[in-house]
Amino acid sequence: RLAQMCALNIIIHMDHLMDLISYYESNGLFDEIIKVLEGGINLERAHNGIYTQLGMMYAKYNEDKLMEHIKLFWNKITIPQLINECKANEHWNEVVFLLRHNDKADVAIITMIEHSAECWDHSLFKETMQQARKTDVYYKAIEFYLSIQPLLLNDLLLDLVKQVDHGRVVQLVGDDNIALIVKYLQHVQRDNVTNVNEALNAYY
């Protein structure tokens, strides 16, 4: 208790924060340093380093509190630093959340594709796709859905009508899988794209 009282007067100084954390960690006092940092975020002189380091401690030693902490304080956290720690400890849902709030939608999409078993969610994926800036991400997403979630591909494409090249989509999906995207093709047929027309004719 006395150590915590002392520590709270130290962590408000950024220059000493890391030395203090290192001391606690080297002595295996993980719960104790978490309690210090939890007390620190309530201080008037709390700074970004305290919020960030508490997130990193959660990522290492108490993952049950990690997402709640991120959702509450993401705007007070040094996001790239916490992303690296979450990646190191394979907290992929948290990585995706932080990337989306750091204007890295393209990277968030790739993360969901590469770690789909841990962090993919159809609604979240579609929402993130609307924030994507690189066109190649759209087609990587189509390939991913084609191989992993083919029955949801049509729904994804209907959300991407304004972003994708319809002729390229037809080529990417291939003749054998056209039945999966018929509703999308019917929706974009108004644009009179040759590949789309030929694909629908072949399907009919």
Protein backbone atom coordinates (compact mmCIF):
# COMPACT_ATOMS: atom_id res chain seq x y z
CA ARG A 1 0.00 0.00 0.00
CA LEU A 2 2.82 2.39 0.87
CA ALA A 3 4.70 1.40 -2.30
CA GLN A 4 1.61 2.22 -4.36
CA MET A 5 1.29 5.63 -2.70
CA CYS A 6 4.92 6.34 -3.59
CA ALA A 7 4.56 4.98 -7.11
CA LEU A 8 1.57 7.22 -7.88
CA ASN A 9 3.85 10.20 -7.29
CA ILE A 10 6.42 8.78 -9.68
CA ILE A 11 4.35 7.67 -12.69
CA ILE A 12 3.10 11.19 -13.34
CA HIS A 13 6.66 11.89 -14.54
CA MET A 14 7.05 10.32 -18.00
CA ASP A 15 10.82 10.07 -17.61
CA HIS A 16 10.48 7.75 -14.61
CA LEU A 17 7.41 5.74 -15.66
CA MET A 18 9.27 3.14 -17.71
CA ASP A 19 11.96 2.61 -15.06
CA LEU A 20 9.28 1.97 -12.46
CA ILE A 21 7.41 -0.49 -14.67
CA SER A 22 10.66 -2.29 -15.47
CA TYR A 23 11.42 -2.62 -11.75
CA TYR A 24 8.01 -4.11 -10.97
CA GLU A 25 8.13 -6.49 -13.95
CA SER A 26 11.65 -7.71 -13.19
CA ASN A 27 10.43 -8.67 -9.71
CA GLY A 28 7.32 -10.43 -11.01
CA LEU A 29 4.97 -7.88 -9.44
CA PHE A 30 2.53 -7.82 -12.36
CA ASP A 31 -0.70 -7.38 -10.40
CA GLU A 32 0.90 -4.67 -8.30
CA ILE A 33 2.05 -2.54 -11.24
CA ILE A 34 -1.38 -2.91 -12.84
CA LYS A 35 -2.96 -1.58 -9.63
CA VAL A 36 -0.54 1.34 -9.64
CA LEU A 37 -1.41 2.24 -13.24
CA GLU A 38 -5.13 1.78 -12.60
CA GLY A 39 -4.80 4.30 -9.78
CA GLY A 40 -2.73 6.53 -12.03
CA ILE A 41 -5.40 7.07 -14.67
CA ASN A 42 -7.55 8.75 -12.03
CA LEU A 43 -4.91 11.35 -11.22
CA GLU A 44 -5.25 14.94 -12.39
CA ARG A 45 -1.78 14.74 -13.91
CA ALA A 46 -2.43 11.46 -15.75
CA HIS A 47 -0.78 11.46 -19.19
CA ASN A 48 -0.94 9.30 -22.32
CA GLY A 49 1.94 7.15 -21.13
CA ILE A 50 -0.06 5.87 -18.15
CA TYR A 51 -3.05 4.91 -20.29
CA THR A 52 -0.79 3.28 -22.88
CA GLN A 53 1.31 1.34 -20.39
CA LEU A 54 -1.78 0.11 -18.55
CA GLY A 55 -3.08 -1.24 -21.87
CA MET A 56 0.25 -2.95 -22.47
CA MET A 57 0.16 -4.53 -19.00
CA TYR A 58 -3.35 -5.81 -19.69
CA ALA A 59 -2.15 -7.21 -23.03
CA LYS A 60 0.60 -9.12 -21.24
CA TYR A 61 -0.96 -10.15 -17.94
CA ASN A 62 -4.73 -9.52 -17.81
CA GLU A 63 -6.32 -9.80 -21.25
CA ASP A 64 -9.87 -9.87 -19.81
CA LYS A 65 -9.61 -6.14 -19.10
CA LEU A 66 -7.86 -5.19 -22.34
CA MET A 67 -10.76 -4.50 -24.70
CA GLU A 68 -12.76 -2.57 -22.12
CA HIS A 69 -9.73 -0.36 -21.42
CA ILE A 70 -9.19 0.26 -25.13
CA LYS A 71 -12.83 1.13 -25.77
CA LEU A 72 -12.88 3.59 -22.88
CA PHE A 73 -9.54 5.30 -23.46
CA TRP A 74 -8.48 4.72 -27.09
CA ASN A 75 -8.24 8.50 -27.64
CA LYS A 76 -5.77 8.80 -24.73
CA ILE A 77 -3.57 5.88 -25.81
CA THR A 78 -0.50 5.97 -28.03
CA ILE A 79 -2.18 3.60 -30.48
CA PRO A 80 0.81 2.34 -32.57
CA GLN A 81 2.65 1.36 -29.40
CA LEU A 82 -0.29 -0.61 -28.01
CA ILE A 83 -0.96 -2.22 -31.41
CA ASN A 84 2.56 -3.67 -31.39
CA GLU A 85 2.03 -5.14 -27.91
CA CYS A 86 -1.36 -6.58 -28.87
CA LYS A 87 0.17 -8.17 -31.96
CA ALA A 88 2.98 -9.67 -29.90
CA ASN A 89 0.39 -11.27 -27.60
CA GLU A 90 -2.01 -12.18 -30.44
CA HIS A 91 -4.97 -10.08 -29.32
CA TRP A 92 -6.36 -9.66 -32.83
CA ASN A 93 -9.79 -8.23 -31.98
CA GLU A 94 -8.07 -5.45 -30.11
CA VAL A 95 -5.62 -4.90 -32.97
CA VAL A 96 -8.52 -4.47 -35.41
CA PHE A 97 -10.30 -2.04 -33.08
CA LEU A 98 -7.18 0.09 -32.65
CA LEU A 99 -6.38 0.10 -36.37
CA ARG A 100 -9.90 1.27 -37.22
CA HIS A 101 -9.60 4.10 -34.70
CA ASN A 102 -6.20 5.05 -36.08
CA ASP A 103 -7.48 5.52 -39.65
CA LYS A 104 -5.85 2.28 -40.79
CA ALA A 105 -8.92 0.59 -42.24
CA ASP A 106 -6.93 -1.12 -45.01
CA VAL A 107 -4.59 -2.74 -42.49
CA ALA A 108 -7.55 -3.70 -40.29
CA ILE A 109 -9.12 -5.54 -43.23
CA ILE A 110 -5.92 -7.45 -43.98
CA THR A 111 -5.65 -8.33 -40.29
CA MET A 112 -9.19 -9.73 -40.30
CA ILE A 113 -8.38 -11.76 -43.41
CA GLU A 114 -5.11 -13.13 -42.04
CA HIS A 115 -6.55 -13.92 -38.59
CA SER A 116 -10.13 -14.67 -39.53
CA ALA A 117 -10.55 -17.44 -36.96
CA GLU A 118 -9.87 -14.96 -34.15
CA CYS A 119 -11.25 -11.61 -35.30
CA TRP A 120 -13.38 -11.79 -38.46
CA ASP A 121 -16.95 -10.54 -38.19
CA HIS A 122 -19.11 -10.03 -41.28
CA SER A 123 -20.84 -6.82 -40.15
CA LEU A 124 -17.62 -5.29 -38.86
CA PHE A 125 -15.79 -6.34 -42.03
CA LYS A 126 -18.37 -4.63 -44.26
CA GLU A 127 -18.30 -1.50 -42.14
CA THR A 128 -14.51 -1.37 -42.29
CA MET A 129 -14.54 -1.91 -46.05
CA GLN A 130 -16.45 1.37 -46.43
CA GLN A 131 -13.46 3.14 -44.89
CA ALA A 132 -10.84 1.44 -47.08
CA ARG A 133 -8.79 3.59 -49.44
CA LYS A 134 -6.71 1.13 -51.46
CA THR A 135 -8.59 -0.55 -54.29
CA ASP A 136 -6.56 -3.75 -54.11
CA VAL A 137 -8.07 -4.38 -50.65
CA TYR A 138 -11.51 -4.79 -52.25
CA TYR A 139 -10.33 -7.62 -54.45
CA LYS A 140 -8.39 -9.32 -51.65
CA ALA A 141 -11.63 -9.25 -49.67
CA ILE A 142 -13.53 -10.83 -52.56
CA GLU A 143 -10.95 -13.62 -52.83
CA PHE A 144 -11.14 -14.15 -49.07
CA TYR A 145 -14.94 -14.44 -49.09
CA LEU A 146 -14.84 -16.70 -52.12
CA SER A 147 -12.60 -19.16 -50.29
CA ILE A 148 -13.84 -18.83 -46.70
CA GLN A 149 -17.36 -17.34 -46.71
CA PRO A 150 -18.78 -17.86 -50.23
CA LEU A 151 -22.45 -17.62 -49.19
CA LEU A 152 -21.85 -14.10 -47.85
CA LEU A 153 -19.98 -12.86 -50.93
CA ASN A 154 -23.13 -11.54 -52.60
CA ASP A 155 -23.96 -9.44 -49.54
CA LEU A 156 -20.42 -8.03 -49.43
CA LEU A 157 -20.49 -7.09 -53.11
CA LEU A 158 -23.81 -5.29 -52.80
CA ASP A 159 -22.11 -3.06 -50.22
CA LEU A 160 -19.19 -2.44 -52.60
CA VAL A 161 -21.17 -1.60 -55.74
CA LYS A 162 -19.68 1.90 -55.99
CA GLN A 163 -16.12 0.85 -55.19
CA VAL A 164 -15.39 -2.13 -57.44
CA ASP A 165 -14.92 -2.69 -61.16
CA HIS A 166 -17.77 -5.05 -62.10
CA GLY A 167 -15.94 -6.63 -65.01
CA ARG A 168 -12.96 -7.41 -62.81
CA VAL A 169 -15.27 -8.93 -60.17
CA VAL A 170 -16.72 -11.31 -62.77
CA GLN A 171 -13.25 -12.39 -63.85
CA LEU A 172 -12.14 -12.83 -60.24
CA VAL A 173 -15.13 -14.92 -59.23
CA GLY A 174 -14.91 -17.13 -62.33
CA ASP A 175 -17.60 -18.92 -64.35
CA ASP A 176 -17.97 -21.77 -61.87
CA ASN A 177 -18.99 -19.45 -59.04
CA ILE A 178 -21.24 -16.96 -60.83
CA ALA A 179 -24.31 -18.41 -59.09
CA LEU A 180 -22.96 -17.02 -55.80
CA ILE A 181 -23.22 -13.40 -56.96
CA VAL A 182 -26.33 -13.35 -59.17
CA LYS A 183 -28.15 -10.72 -57.07
CA TYR A 184 -25.14 -8.44 -57.27
CA LEU A 185 -24.86 -8.94 -61.03
CA GLN A 186 -28.55 -8.22 -61.52
CA HIS A 187 -28.16 -5.05 -59.46
CA VAL A 188 -25.27 -3.72 -61.58
CA GLN A 189 -26.63 -4.89 -64.94
CA ARG A 190 -28.01 -1.36 -65.42
CA ASP A 191 -24.41 -0.25 -66.09
CA ASN A 192 -24.38 -2.44 -69.22
CA VAL A 193 -20.97 -3.99 -68.59
CA THR A 194 -20.15 -6.65 -71.18
CA ASN A 195 -18.68 -9.14 -68.70
CA VAL A 196 -21.70 -8.80 -66.43
CA ASN A 197 -24.16 -9.30 -69.28
CA GLU A 198 -22.33 -12.34 -70.59
CA ALA A 199 -22.05 -13.87 -67.10
CA LEU A 200 -25.77 -13.49 -66.48
CA ASN A 201 -26.66 -14.87 -69.90
CA ALA A 202 -24.46 -17.89 -69.27
CA TYR A 203 -26.04 -18.37 -65.83
CA TYR A 204 -29.61 -18.17 -67.23
